[in-house]
């Protein structure tokens, strides 16, 4: 989706409602939001998840493994900093 934030890349490694809403709004305005999730974290209210995760890319990473941490570092290296 294009918008005023097109070209901005955000890595969302947060948990909780406030940050889910904030990154949803960033995605609504055109940012590429990559949501980092723990493997198997798909529980909860699926309708709420669909709403809050709209417009986001999702990747499951096990940050307790070196491969998972390396993948997160690669994502962060490609995120937009200002």
PDB file of N, CA and C in Angstrom:
ATOM      1  N   UNK A   1       0.842  -1.166   0.000  1.00  0.00           N
ATOM      2  CA  UNK A   1       0.000   0.000   0.000  1.00  0.00           C
ATOM      3  C   UNK A   1       0.893   1.237   0.000  1.00  0.00           C
ATOM      4  N   UNK A   2       0.645   2.158  -0.849  1.00  0.00           N
ATOM      5  CA  UNK A   2       1.462   3.365  -0.885  1.00  0.00           C
ATOM      6  C   UNK A   2       0.883   4.396   0.078  1.00  0.00           C
ATOM      7  N   UNK A   3       1.724   5.293   0.498  1.00  0.00           N
ATOM      8  CA  UNK A   3       1.310   6.338   1.423  1.00  0.00           C
ATOM      9  C   UNK A   3       2.511   7.186   1.786  1.00  0.00           C
ATOM     10  N   UNK A   4       2.349   8.111   2.701  1.00  0.00           N
ATOM     11  CA  UNK A   4       3.435   9.019   3.043  1.00  0.00           C
ATOM     12  C   UNK A   4       4.637   8.326   3.688  1.00  0.00           C
ATOM     13  N   UNK A   5       4.460   7.108   4.202  1.00  0.00           N
ATOM     14  CA  UNK A   5       5.574   6.393   4.824  1.00  0.00           C
ATOM     15  C   UNK A   5       6.166   5.321   3.917  1.00  0.00           C
ATOM     16  N   UNK A   6       5.781   5.334   2.651  1.00  0.00           N
ATOM     17  CA  UNK A   6       6.313   4.351   1.699  1.00  0.00           C
ATOM     18  C   UNK A   6       7.829   4.454   1.688  1.00  0.00           C
ATOM     19  N   UNK A   7       8.502   3.319   1.755  1.00  0.00           N
ATOM     20  CA  UNK A   7       9.962   3.277   1.786  1.00  0.00           C
ATOM     21  C   UNK A   7      10.515   3.088   3.193  1.00  0.00           C
ATOM     22  N   UNK A   8       9.709   3.343   4.212  1.00  0.00           N
ATOM     23  CA  UNK A   8      10.119   3.139   5.597  1.00  0.00           C
ATOM     24  C   UNK A   8       9.955   1.664   5.933  1.00  0.00           C
ATOM     25  N   UNK A   9      10.990   1.066   6.511  1.00  0.00           N
ATOM     26  CA  UNK A   9      10.933  -0.336   6.916  1.00  0.00           C
ATOM     27  C   UNK A   9      11.028  -0.393   8.433  1.00  0.00           C
ATOM     28  N   UNK A  10      10.026  -1.021   9.063  1.00  0.00           N
ATOM     29  CA  UNK A  10       9.931  -1.112  10.519  1.00  0.00           C
ATOM     30  C   UNK A  10       9.963  -2.577  10.917  1.00  0.00           C
ATOM     31  N   UNK A  11      10.815  -2.919  11.881  1.00  0.00           N
ATOM     32  CA  UNK A  11      10.826  -4.264  12.449  1.00  0.00           C
ATOM     33  C   UNK A  11      10.107  -4.196  13.786  1.00  0.00           C
ATOM     34  N   UNK A  12       9.006  -4.922  13.894  1.00  0.00           N
ATOM     35  CA  UNK A  12       8.170  -4.926  15.099  1.00  0.00           C
ATOM     36  C   UNK A  12       8.441  -6.205  15.874  1.00  0.00           C
ATOM     37  N   UNK A  13       9.220  -6.091  16.941  1.00  0.00           N
ATOM     38  CA  UNK A  13       9.522  -7.243  17.793  1.00  0.00           C
ATOM     39  C   UNK A  13       8.879  -7.056  19.159  1.00  0.00           C
ATOM     40  N   UNK A  14       7.737  -6.425  19.175  1.00  0.00           N
ATOM     41  CA  UNK A  14       7.077  -6.074  20.433  1.00  0.00           C
ATOM     42  C   UNK A  14       5.972  -7.061  20.756  1.00  0.00           C
ATOM     43  N   UNK A  15       5.492  -6.943  21.999  1.00  0.00           N
ATOM     44  CA  UNK A  15       4.321  -7.689  22.433  1.00  0.00           C
ATOM     45  C   UNK A  15       3.381  -6.702  23.074  1.00  0.00           C
ATOM     46  N   UNK A  16       2.125  -6.841  22.840  1.00  0.00           N
ATOM     47  CA  UNK A  16       1.153  -5.993  23.515  1.00  0.00           C
ATOM     48  C   UNK A  16       0.363  -5.119  22.569  1.00  0.00           C
ATOM     49  N   UNK A  17      -0.759  -4.673  23.070  1.00  0.00           N
ATOM     50  CA  UNK A  17      -1.725  -3.913  22.290  1.00  0.00           C
ATOM     51  C   UNK A  17      -1.214  -2.548  21.820  1.00  0.00           C
ATOM     52  N   UNK A  18      -0.599  -1.723  22.676  1.00  0.00           N
ATOM     53  CA  UNK A  18      -0.212  -0.375  22.213  1.00  0.00           C
ATOM     54  C   UNK A  18       0.737  -0.395  21.022  1.00  0.00           C
ATOM     55  N   UNK A  19       1.735  -1.270  21.064  1.00  0.00           N
ATOM     56  CA  UNK A  19       2.676  -1.309  19.944  1.00  0.00           C
ATOM     57  C   UNK A  19       2.052  -1.954  18.712  1.00  0.00           C
ATOM     58  N   UNK A  20       1.141  -2.908  18.912  1.00  0.00           N
ATOM     59  CA  UNK A  20       0.452  -3.511  17.769  1.00  0.00           C
ATOM     60  C   UNK A  20      -0.373  -2.461  17.039  1.00  0.00           C
ATOM     61  N   UNK A  21      -1.008  -1.570  17.786  1.00  0.00           N
ATOM     62  CA  UNK A  21      -1.800  -0.497  17.180  1.00  0.00           C
ATOM     63  C   UNK A  21      -0.880   0.496  16.473  1.00  0.00           C
ATOM     64  N   UNK A  22       0.234   0.858  17.120  1.00  0.00           N
ATOM     65  CA  UNK A  22       1.163   1.820  16.520  1.00  0.00           C
ATOM     66  C   UNK A  22       1.722   1.307  15.200  1.00  0.00           C
ATOM     67  N   UNK A  23       2.153   0.043  15.164  1.00  0.00           N
ATOM     68  CA  UNK A  23       2.716  -0.485  13.920  1.00  0.00           C
ATOM     69  C   UNK A  23       1.634  -0.728  12.872  1.00  0.00           C
ATOM     70  N   UNK A  24       0.393  -1.002  13.311  1.00  0.00           N
ATOM     71  CA  UNK A  24      -0.722  -1.109  12.365  1.00  0.00           C
ATOM     72  C   UNK A  24      -0.924   0.228  11.649  1.00  0.00           C
ATOM     73  N   UNK A  25      -0.864   1.320  12.401  1.00  0.00           N
ATOM     74  CA  UNK A  25      -1.037   2.644  11.803  1.00  0.00           C
ATOM     75  C   UNK A  25       0.121   2.955  10.851  1.00  0.00           C
ATOM     76  N   UNK A  26       1.343   2.593  11.234  1.00  0.00           N
ATOM     77  CA  UNK A  26       2.491   2.792  10.328  1.00  0.00           C
ATOM     78  C   UNK A  26       2.267   2.042   9.019  1.00  0.00           C
ATOM     79  N   UNK A  27       1.784   0.794   9.114  1.00  0.00           N
ATOM     80  CA  UNK A  27       1.496   0.010   7.904  1.00  0.00           C
ATOM     81  C   UNK A  27       0.377   0.651   7.092  1.00  0.00           C
ATOM     82  N   UNK A  28      -0.650   1.167   7.783  1.00  0.00           N
ATOM     83  CA  UNK A  28      -1.755   1.832   7.087  1.00  0.00           C
ATOM     84  C   UNK A  28      -1.262   3.025   6.274  1.00  0.00           C
ATOM     85  N   UNK A  29      -0.221   3.686   6.750  1.00  0.00           N
ATOM     86  CA  UNK A  29       0.323   4.854   6.057  1.00  0.00           C
ATOM     87  C   UNK A  29       1.450   4.506   5.083  1.00  0.00           C
ATOM     88  N   UNK A  30       1.649   3.223   4.817  1.00  0.00           N
ATOM     89  CA  UNK A  30       2.544   2.823   3.749  1.00  0.00           C
ATOM     90  C   UNK A  30       3.880   2.252   4.151  1.00  0.00           C
ATOM     91  N   UNK A  31       4.198   2.217   5.445  1.00  0.00           N
ATOM     92  CA  UNK A  31       5.467   1.633   5.882  1.00  0.00           C
ATOM     93  C   UNK A  31       5.416   0.121   5.691  1.00  0.00           C
ATOM     94  N   UNK A  32       6.565  -0.468   5.430  1.00  0.00           N
ATOM     95  CA  UNK A  32       6.684  -1.918   5.419  1.00  0.00           C
ATOM     96  C   UNK A  32       6.969  -2.334   6.852  1.00  0.00           C
ATOM     97  N   UNK A  33       6.041  -3.054   7.460  1.00  0.00           N
ATOM     98  CA  UNK A  33       6.192  -3.492   8.845  1.00  0.00           C
ATOM     99  C   UNK A  33       6.409  -4.996   8.851  1.00  0.00           C
ATOM    100  N   UNK A  34       7.535  -5.416   9.440  1.00  0.00           N
ATOM    101  CA  UNK A  34       7.854  -6.834   9.559  1.00  0.00           C
ATOM    102  C   UNK A  34       7.698  -7.212  11.022  1.00  0.00           C
ATOM    103  N   UNK A  35       6.711  -8.027  11.297  1.00  0.00           N
ATOM    104  CA  UNK A  35       6.402  -8.440  12.668  1.00  0.00           C
ATOM    105  C   UNK A  35       7.178  -9.709  12.988  1.00  0.00           C
ATOM    106  N   UNK A  36       8.031  -9.648  13.996  1.00  0.00           N
ATOM    107  CA  UNK A  36       8.813 -10.804  14.443  1.00  0.00           C
ATOM    108  C   UNK A  36       8.025 -11.488  15.546  1.00  0.00           C
ATOM    109  N   UNK A  37       7.728 -12.771  15.335  1.00  0.00           N
ATOM    110  CA  UNK A  37       6.934 -13.525  16.297  1.00  0.00           C
ATOM    111  C   UNK A  37       7.687 -14.758  16.751  1.00  0.00           C
ATOM    112  N   UNK A  38       7.347 -15.213  17.945  1.00  0.00           N
ATOM    113  CA  UNK A  38       7.901 -16.467  18.438  1.00  0.00           C
ATOM    114  C   UNK A  38       7.231 -17.614  17.696  1.00  0.00           C
ATOM    115  N   UNK A  39       7.956 -18.695  17.434  1.00  0.00           N
ATOM    116  CA  UNK A  39       7.331 -19.853  16.788  1.00  0.00           C
ATOM    117  C   UNK A  39       6.134 -20.349  17.615  1.00  0.00           C
ATOM    118  N   UNK A  40       5.031 -20.571  16.942  1.00  0.00           N
ATOM    119  CA  UNK A  40       3.833 -21.084  17.602  1.00  0.00           C
ATOM    120  C   UNK A  40       3.049 -20.050  18.381  1.00  0.00           C
ATOM    121  N   UNK A  41       3.263 -18.760  18.094  1.00  0.00           N
ATOM    122  CA  UNK A  41       2.585 -17.720  18.873  1.00  0.00           C
ATOM    123  C   UNK A  41       1.256 -17.295  18.257  1.00  0.00           C
ATOM    124  N   UNK A  42       0.619 -18.156  17.522  1.00  0.00           N
ATOM    125  CA  UNK A  42      -0.626 -17.792  16.843  1.00  0.00           C
ATOM    126  C   UNK A  42      -1.877 -17.913  17.683  1.00  0.00           C
ATOM    127  N   UNK A  43      -1.734 -17.991  19.003  1.00  0.00           N
ATOM    128  CA  UNK A  43      -2.923 -18.148  19.840  1.00  0.00           C
ATOM    129  C   UNK A  43      -3.574 -16.797  20.106  1.00  0.00           C
ATOM    130  N   UNK A  44      -4.744 -16.839  20.671  1.00  0.00           N
ATOM    131  CA  UNK A  44      -5.445 -15.607  21.023  1.00  0.00           C
ATOM    132  C   UNK A  44      -6.640 -15.372  20.125  1.00  0.00           C
ATOM    133  N   UNK A  45      -7.221 -14.194  20.243  1.00  0.00           N
ATOM    134  CA  UNK A  45      -8.389 -13.796  19.464  1.00  0.00           C
ATOM    135  C   UNK A  45      -7.976 -13.577  18.017  1.00  0.00           C
ATOM    136  N   UNK A  46      -8.351 -14.506  17.132  1.00  0.00           N
ATOM    137  CA  UNK A  46      -7.901 -14.409  15.741  1.00  0.00           C
ATOM    138  C   UNK A  46      -8.489 -13.204  15.018  1.00  0.00           C
ATOM    139  N   UNK A  47      -9.698 -12.790  15.363  1.00  0.00           N
ATOM    140  CA  UNK A  47     -10.269 -11.606  14.714  1.00  0.00           C
ATOM    141  C   UNK A  47      -9.505 -10.349  15.101  1.00  0.00           C
ATOM    142  N   UNK A  48      -9.123 -10.251  16.361  1.00  0.00           N
ATOM    143  CA  UNK A  48      -8.328  -9.107  16.809  1.00  0.00           C
ATOM    144  C   UNK A  48      -6.958  -9.125  16.150  1.00  0.00           C
ATOM    145  N   UNK A  49      -6.351 -10.317  16.065  1.00  0.00           N
ATOM    146  CA  UNK A  49      -5.042 -10.437  15.401  1.00  0.00           C
ATOM    147  C   UNK A  49      -5.128 -10.001  13.942  1.00  0.00           C
ATOM    148  N   UNK A  50      -6.177 -10.412  13.249  1.00  0.00           N
ATOM    149  CA  UNK A  50      -6.347 -10.021  11.849  1.00  0.00           C
ATOM    150  C   UNK A  50      -6.419  -8.507  11.708  1.00  0.00           C
ATOM    151  N   UNK A  51      -7.103  -7.863  12.639  1.00  0.00           N
ATOM    152  CA  UNK A  51      -7.216  -6.410  12.608  1.00  0.00           C
ATOM    153  C   UNK A  51      -5.864  -5.764  12.880  1.00  0.00           C
ATOM    154  N   UNK A  52      -5.223  -6.142  13.971  1.00  0.00           N
ATOM    155  CA  UNK A  52      -3.981  -5.483  14.385  1.00  0.00           C
ATOM    156  C   UNK A  52      -2.799  -5.809  13.487  1.00  0.00           C
ATOM    157  N   UNK A  53      -2.824  -6.966  12.831  1.00  0.00           N
ATOM    158  CA  UNK A  53      -1.699  -7.380  11.987  1.00  0.00           C
ATOM    159  C   UNK A  53      -1.912  -7.068  10.508  1.00  0.00           C
ATOM    160  N   UNK A  54      -2.987  -6.367  10.189  1.00  0.00           N
ATOM    161  CA  UNK A  54      -3.254  -6.069   8.781  1.00  0.00           C
ATOM    162  C   UNK A  54      -2.119  -5.229   8.203  1.00  0.00           C
ATOM    163  N   UNK A  55      -1.755  -5.550   6.990  1.00  0.00           N
ATOM    164  CA  UNK A  55      -0.726  -4.797   6.298  1.00  0.00           C
ATOM    165  C   UNK A  55       0.692  -5.112   6.733  1.00  0.00           C
ATOM    166  N   UNK A  56       0.868  -6.072   7.633  1.00  0.00           N
ATOM    167  CA  UNK A  56       2.200  -6.402   8.136  1.00  0.00           C
ATOM    168  C   UNK A  56       2.682  -7.717   7.537  1.00  0.00           C
ATOM    169  N   UNK A  57       3.984  -7.819   7.385  1.00  0.00           N
ATOM    170  CA  UNK A  57       4.618  -9.086   7.040  1.00  0.00           C
ATOM    171  C   UNK A  57       4.930  -9.771   8.360  1.00  0.00           C
ATOM    172  N   UNK A  58       4.926 -11.079   8.395  1.00  0.00           N
ATOM    173  CA  UNK A  58       5.184 -11.804   9.627  1.00  0.00           C
ATOM    174  C   UNK A  58       6.284 -12.826   9.400  1.00  0.00           C
ATOM    175  N   UNK A  59       7.175 -12.921  10.393  1.00  0.00           N
ATOM    176  CA  UNK A  59       8.223 -13.928  10.354  1.00  0.00           C
ATOM    177  C   UNK A  59       8.361 -14.514  11.754  1.00  0.00           C
ATOM    178  N   UNK A  60       8.413 -15.837  11.832  1.00  0.00           N
ATOM    179  CA  UNK A  60       8.598 -16.510  13.120  1.00  0.00           C
ATOM    180  C   UNK A  60      10.078 -16.810  13.293  1.00  0.00           C
ATOM    181  N   UNK A  61      10.655 -16.289  14.375  1.00  0.00           N
ATOM    182  CA  UNK A  61      12.075 -16.509  14.660  1.00  0.00           C
ATOM    183  C   UNK A  61      12.230 -17.000  16.092  1.00  0.00           C
ATOM    184  N   UNK A  62      13.029 -18.028  16.267  1.00  0.00           N
ATOM    185  CA  UNK A  62      13.365 -18.512  17.604  1.00  0.00           C
ATOM    186  C   UNK A  62      14.644 -17.797  18.020  1.00  0.00           C
ATOM    187  N   UNK A  63      14.512 -16.774  18.842  1.00  0.00           N
ATOM    188  CA  UNK A  63      15.654 -15.947  19.224  1.00  0.00           C
ATOM    189  C   UNK A  63      16.559 -16.624  20.240  1.00  0.00           C
ATOM    190  N   UNK A  64      16.210 -17.843  20.628  1.00  0.00           N
ATOM    191  CA  UNK A  64      17.090 -18.608  21.508  1.00  0.00           C
ATOM    192  C   UNK A  64      18.104 -19.411  20.706  1.00  0.00           C
ATOM    193  N   UNK A  65      18.005 -19.356  19.384  1.00  0.00           N
ATOM    194  CA  UNK A  65      18.981 -20.040  18.530  1.00  0.00           C
ATOM    195  C   UNK A  65      19.853 -19.001  17.836  1.00  0.00           C
ATOM    196  N   UNK A  66      21.054 -19.416  17.467  1.00  0.00           N
ATOM    197  CA  UNK A  66      21.955 -18.476  16.782  1.00  0.00           C
ATOM    198  C   UNK A  66      21.401 -18.121  15.398  1.00  0.00           C
ATOM    199  N   UNK A  67      20.744 -19.055  14.741  1.00  0.00           N
ATOM    200  CA  UNK A  67      20.159 -18.763  13.428  1.00  0.00           C
ATOM    201  C   UNK A  67      19.037 -17.735  13.545  1.00  0.00           C
ATOM    202  N   UNK A  68      18.209 -17.858  14.577  1.00  0.00           N
ATOM    203  CA  UNK A  68      17.125 -16.896  14.790  1.00  0.00           C
ATOM    204  C   UNK A  68      17.663 -15.510  15.090  1.00  0.00           C
ATOM    205  N   UNK A  69      18.683 -15.427  15.945  1.00  0.00           N
ATOM    206  CA  UNK A  69      19.296 -14.133  16.258  1.00  0.00           C
ATOM    207  C   UNK A  69      19.957 -13.522  15.034  1.00  0.00           C
ATOM    208  N   UNK A  70      20.624 -14.346  14.218  1.00  0.00           N
ATOM    209  CA  UNK A  70      21.267 -13.844  13.002  1.00  0.00           C
ATOM    210  C   UNK A  70      20.219 -13.295  12.026  1.00  0.00           C
ATOM    211  N   UNK A  71      19.084 -13.975  11.925  1.00  0.00           N
ATOM    212  CA  UNK A  71      18.008 -13.492  11.049  1.00  0.00           C
ATOM    213  C   UNK A  71      17.460 -12.159  11.532  1.00  0.00           C
ATOM    214  N   UNK A  72      17.315 -12.008  12.841  1.00  0.00           N
ATOM    215  CA  UNK A  72      16.840 -10.749  13.392  1.00  0.00           C
ATOM    216  C   UNK A  72      17.842  -9.625  13.115  1.00  0.00           C
ATOM    217  N   UNK A  73      19.116  -9.899  13.271  1.00  0.00           N
ATOM    218  CA  UNK A  73      20.157  -8.901  12.990  1.00  0.00           C
ATOM    219  C   UNK A  73      20.095  -8.482  11.526  1.00  0.00           C
ATOM    220  N   UNK A  74      19.878  -9.436  10.619  1.00  0.00           N
ATOM    221  CA  UNK A  74      19.755  -9.105   9.191  1.00  0.00           C
ATOM    222  C   UNK A  74      18.534  -8.218   8.941  1.00  0.00           C
ATOM    223  N   UNK A  75      17.408  -8.525   9.587  1.00  0.00           N
ATOM    224  CA  UNK A  75      16.213  -7.693   9.441  1.00  0.00           C
ATOM    225  C   UNK A  75      16.476  -6.266   9.935  1.00  0.00           C
ATOM    226  N   UNK A  76      17.120  -6.158  11.088  1.00  0.00           N
ATOM    227  CA  UNK A  76      17.404  -4.842  11.657  1.00  0.00           C
ATOM    228  C   UNK A  76      18.383  -4.058  10.796  1.00  0.00           C
ATOM    229  N   UNK A  77      19.315  -4.744  10.168  1.00  0.00           N
ATOM    230  CA  UNK A  77      20.288  -4.068   9.306  1.00  0.00           C
ATOM    231  C   UNK A  77      19.616  -3.467   8.085  1.00  0.00           C
ATOM    232  N   UNK A  78      18.486  -4.046   7.663  1.00  0.00           N
ATOM    233  CA  UNK A  78      17.779  -3.545   6.493  1.00  0.00           C
ATOM    234  C   UNK A  78      16.628  -2.612   6.850  1.00  0.00           C
ATOM    235  N   UNK A  79      16.388  -2.391   8.140  1.00  0.00           N
ATOM    236  CA  UNK A  79      15.328  -1.462   8.558  1.00  0.00           C
ATOM    237  C   UNK A  79      15.796  -0.045   8.311  1.00  0.00           C
ATOM    238  N   UNK A  80      14.851   0.857   8.165  1.00  0.00           N
ATOM    239  CA  UNK A  80      15.150   2.263   7.916  1.00  0.00           C
ATOM    240  C   UNK A  80      15.379   2.964   9.251  1.00  0.00           C
ATOM    241  N   UNK A  81      16.501   3.649   9.357  1.00  0.00           N
ATOM    242  CA  UNK A  81      16.806   4.430  10.553  1.00  0.00           C
ATOM    243  C   UNK A  81      16.790   5.889  10.197  1.00  0.00           C
ATOM    244  N   UNK A  82      16.323   6.709  11.118  1.00  0.00           N
ATOM    245  CA  UNK A  82      16.364   8.152  10.881  1.00  0.00           C
ATOM    246  C   UNK A  82      16.866   8.871  12.102  1.00  0.00           C
TER     247      UNK A  82
END
